[in-house]
């Protein structure tokens, strides 16, 4: 395992190895060790492409389709990069395939946690994202799509709390703060302007 260790860790590790065709290394590894099946079990609201259904349409391999029909996550399998970028609806979503699978799984699991504070369409205090990076470990950032709407970027952080903030201009389209401690949740919710 080289490319998708963090994503596999979120879903209990890799499965049994199976044969996969000539895709970029990170994509091939993901499908070879059952990442497609594990992601489909977690991201149930969307249609996740399985190994048996891998097809290249033109220059794009469809990885996942939004459950509301808003677009597809795609990768160019001939890009010549071991860990190629992923697009959503034709625009950049993730800088690398491994970041796409990690971010999609991590965020889906975050929204299912019980101990969260969520808020929609609120002002984002100046310096909030940098402040989060000072307190927590930055995780992959994605661009252009946040659940069911556009955004500039979705920032993710882990550590004592798990925080995701989808940003459009100076507005948090949504924010989610998860932590066992109510005090920790409230601290980070205030930092992003959700309280």
Protein backbone atom coordinates (compact mmCIF):
# COMPACT_ATOMS: atom_id res chain seq x y z
CA UNK A 1 0.00 0.00 0.00
CA UNK A 2 1.40 3.30 -1.04
CA UNK A 3 -1.24 5.75 -2.22
CA UNK A 4 -4.49 5.22 -0.31
CA UNK A 5 -3.41 4.10 3.16
CA UNK A 6 -5.26 6.95 4.92
CA UNK A 7 -8.52 6.23 3.11
CA UNK A 8 -8.29 2.49 3.76
CA UNK A 9 -7.63 3.22 7.45
CA UNK A 10 -11.03 4.96 7.62
CA UNK A 11 -12.82 1.82 6.41
CA UNK A 12 -10.96 -0.90 8.27
CA UNK A 13 -8.06 -1.54 5.92
CA UNK A 14 -7.71 -2.99 2.43
CA UNK A 15 -9.56 -6.06 1.22
CA UNK A 16 -8.31 -9.00 -0.80
CA UNK A 17 -6.24 -8.24 -3.87
CA UNK A 18 -7.88 -8.59 -7.29
CA UNK A 19 -6.62 -7.93 -10.83
CA UNK A 20 -7.14 -4.44 -12.22
CA UNK A 21 -6.33 -3.01 -15.64
CA UNK A 22 -3.78 -0.33 -16.57
CA UNK A 23 -4.88 2.73 -14.60
CA UNK A 24 -2.73 5.28 -12.77
CA UNK A 25 -1.06 3.71 -9.73
CA UNK A 26 -3.29 5.28 -7.04
CA UNK A 27 -6.49 4.42 -8.94
CA UNK A 28 -5.31 0.88 -9.65
CA UNK A 29 -4.37 0.33 -5.98
CA UNK A 30 -7.78 1.60 -4.79
CA UNK A 31 -9.72 -0.81 -6.99
CA UNK A 32 -7.23 -3.68 -6.56
CA UNK A 33 -7.78 -3.77 -2.79
CA UNK A 34 -11.57 -3.24 -2.76
CA UNK A 35 -11.71 0.48 -2.08
CA UNK A 36 -14.62 0.78 -4.48
CA UNK A 37 -16.76 -1.65 -2.47
CA UNK A 38 -15.79 -0.09 0.84
CA UNK A 39 -16.55 3.42 -0.44
CA UNK A 40 -19.92 2.29 -1.82
CA UNK A 41 -20.82 0.94 1.63
CA UNK A 42 -19.99 4.29 3.27
CA UNK A 43 -21.12 6.83 0.63
CA UNK A 44 -24.57 5.30 0.17
CA UNK A 45 -26.26 8.46 -1.12
CA UNK A 46 -24.20 8.40 -4.32
CA UNK A 47 -23.56 5.80 -7.01
CA UNK A 48 -19.94 4.69 -6.61
CA UNK A 49 -18.36 2.95 -9.62
CA UNK A 50 -17.36 -0.64 -8.84
CA UNK A 51 -14.47 -2.55 -10.38
CA UNK A 52 -16.85 -4.55 -12.59
CA UNK A 53 -18.29 -1.32 -13.98
CA UNK A 54 -15.03 0.52 -14.74
CA UNK A 55 -15.37 2.18 -18.13
CA UNK A 56 -13.53 5.03 -19.71
CA UNK A 57 -15.90 7.39 -21.52
CA UNK A 58 -13.79 9.56 -23.82
CA UNK A 59 -10.91 10.65 -21.63
CA UNK A 60 -12.69 10.35 -18.27
CA UNK A 61 -13.23 7.49 -15.87
CA UNK A 62 -16.38 8.11 -13.80
CA UNK A 63 -15.59 7.32 -10.17
CA UNK A 64 -18.81 8.40 -8.47
CA UNK A 65 -22.10 10.07 -9.42
CA UNK A 66 -23.88 12.53 -7.17
CA UNK A 67 -27.13 11.04 -5.85
CA UNK A 68 -29.13 14.12 -6.90
CA UNK A 69 -27.79 14.05 -10.46
CA UNK A 70 -25.66 17.18 -10.03
CA UNK A 71 -22.51 15.72 -11.59
CA UNK A 72 -19.82 13.07 -11.59
CA UNK A 73 -16.42 12.76 -9.98
CA UNK A 74 -14.03 11.79 -12.76
CA UNK A 75 -10.35 11.15 -13.35
CA UNK A 76 -8.35 11.14 -16.58
CA UNK A 77 -6.81 7.65 -16.58
CA UNK A 78 -4.31 8.64 -19.25
CA UNK A 79 -3.02 11.75 -17.48
CA UNK A 80 0.38 10.13 -16.96
CA UNK A 81 0.36 10.90 -13.22
CA UNK A 82 0.53 8.14 -10.58
CA UNK A 83 -1.93 10.03 -8.36
CA UNK A 84 -3.93 12.17 -10.84
CA UNK A 85 -6.34 15.01 -10.07
CA UNK A 86 -10.08 14.42 -9.80
CA UNK A 87 -12.78 16.65 -11.31
CA UNK A 88 -16.41 17.19 -10.41
CA UNK A 89 -18.66 18.35 -13.23
CA UNK A 90 -15.61 19.16 -15.36
CA UNK A 91 -13.90 21.39 -12.76
CA UNK A 92 -11.07 20.53 -10.39
CA UNK A 93 -12.30 18.86 -7.21
CA UNK A 94 -9.13 17.33 -5.72
CA UNK A 95 -5.46 17.73 -6.57
CA UNK A 96 -4.94 13.96 -6.28
CA UNK A 97 -7.05 10.81 -6.48
CA UNK A 98 -5.85 9.71 -3.02
CA UNK A 99 -7.10 13.02 -1.57
CA UNK A 100 -10.48 12.56 -3.26
CA UNK A 101 -11.13 9.12 -1.73
CA UNK A 102 -9.88 10.19 1.69
CA UNK A 103 -11.89 13.43 1.71
CA UNK A 104 -15.11 11.76 0.48
CA UNK A 105 -14.92 9.00 3.12
CA UNK A 106 -13.78 11.28 5.96
CA UNK A 107 -16.49 13.85 5.29
CA UNK A 108 -19.26 11.27 4.92
CA UNK A 109 -18.28 9.70 8.25
CA UNK A 110 -18.07 13.16 9.87
CA UNK A 111 -21.69 13.99 8.94
CA UNK A 112 -22.81 10.76 10.63
CA UNK A 113 -21.20 11.50 14.00
CA UNK A 114 -23.51 12.20 16.92
CA UNK A 115 -21.46 14.76 18.81
CA UNK A 116 -21.48 17.57 16.22
CA UNK A 117 -22.40 21.19 15.82
CA UNK A 118 -23.49 22.09 12.29
CA UNK A 119 -24.45 25.42 10.81
CA UNK A 120 -25.32 26.62 7.32
CA UNK A 121 -24.77 29.92 5.52
CA UNK A 122 -22.95 31.86 8.20
CA UNK A 123 -20.22 34.47 8.12
CA UNK A 124 -16.70 33.13 8.32
CA UNK A 125 -14.52 35.23 10.65
CA UNK A 126 -11.32 36.55 9.11
CA UNK A 127 -8.44 34.19 9.83
CA UNK A 128 -10.71 31.27 10.79
CA UNK A 129 -9.14 28.77 8.38
CA UNK A 130 -5.61 29.74 9.42
CA UNK A 131 -6.71 29.54 13.06
CA UNK A 132 -8.03 26.02 12.57
CA UNK A 133 -4.68 25.09 11.02
CA UNK A 134 -2.94 26.37 14.14
CA UNK A 135 -5.04 24.20 16.46
CA UNK A 136 -5.69 21.12 14.32
CA UNK A 137 -4.00 19.05 11.62
CA UNK A 138 -4.94 20.17 8.09
CA UNK A 139 -6.44 17.40 5.96
CA UNK A 140 -7.06 17.41 2.19
CA UNK A 141 -8.84 20.45 0.77
CA UNK A 142 -11.24 20.01 -2.12
CA UNK A 143 -12.70 22.57 -4.50
CA UNK A 144 -15.89 23.56 -6.27
CA UNK A 145 -18.45 21.21 -4.72
CA UNK A 146 -19.73 20.87 -1.16
CA UNK A 147 -22.38 18.18 -0.76
CA UNK A 148 -25.14 19.66 -2.93
CA UNK A 149 -23.87 23.12 -3.84
CA UNK A 150 -20.92 24.96 -5.25
CA UNK A 151 -18.16 26.45 -3.13
CA UNK A 152 -14.65 27.83 -3.47
CA UNK A 153 -13.13 25.17 -1.22
CA UNK A 154 -13.93 22.70 1.53
CA UNK A 155 -11.33 22.69 4.30
CA UNK A 156 -10.93 19.72 6.65
CA UNK A 157 -9.05 19.41 9.93
CA UNK A 158 -8.44 16.58 12.39
CA UNK A 159 -7.09 16.22 15.90
CA UNK A 160 -8.86 17.01 19.18
CA UNK A 161 -11.84 17.88 17.01
CA UNK A 162 -12.85 17.06 13.44
CA UNK A 163 -13.87 20.17 11.53
CA UNK A 164 -15.01 20.73 7.95
CA UNK A 165 -15.90 24.12 6.49
CA UNK A 166 -17.19 24.68 2.96
CA UNK A 167 -16.39 28.27 1.96
CA UNK A 168 -17.73 30.55 -0.74
CA UNK A 169 -16.25 34.02 -0.55
CA UNK A 170 -16.48 35.13 3.09
CA UNK A 171 -19.39 32.79 3.85
CA UNK A 172 -19.30 29.30 5.30
CA UNK A 173 -21.80 27.45 3.12
CA UNK A 174 -21.78 24.91 5.92
CA UNK A 175 -19.59 23.92 8.84
CA UNK A 176 -19.42 20.76 10.91
CA UNK A 177 -17.54 20.45 14.19
CA UNK A 178 -17.30 17.07 15.90
CA UNK A 179 -15.70 16.33 19.27
CA UNK A 180 -16.63 14.29 22.32
CA UNK A 181 -16.26 17.31 24.59
CA UNK A 182 -19.02 19.96 24.33
CA UNK A 183 -16.47 22.62 25.29
CA UNK A 184 -14.14 21.61 22.44
CA UNK A 185 -17.05 21.56 19.96
CA UNK A 186 -18.16 25.02 21.05
CA UNK A 187 -14.59 26.39 20.90
CA UNK A 188 -14.16 25.40 17.26
CA UNK A 189 -17.73 26.34 16.30
CA UNK A 190 -17.04 29.86 17.62
CA UNK A 191 -13.73 29.95 15.74
CA UNK A 192 -15.55 29.37 12.42
CA UNK A 193 -18.45 31.70 13.29
CA UNK A 194 -21.08 29.00 13.78
CA UNK A 195 -21.90 30.18 17.34
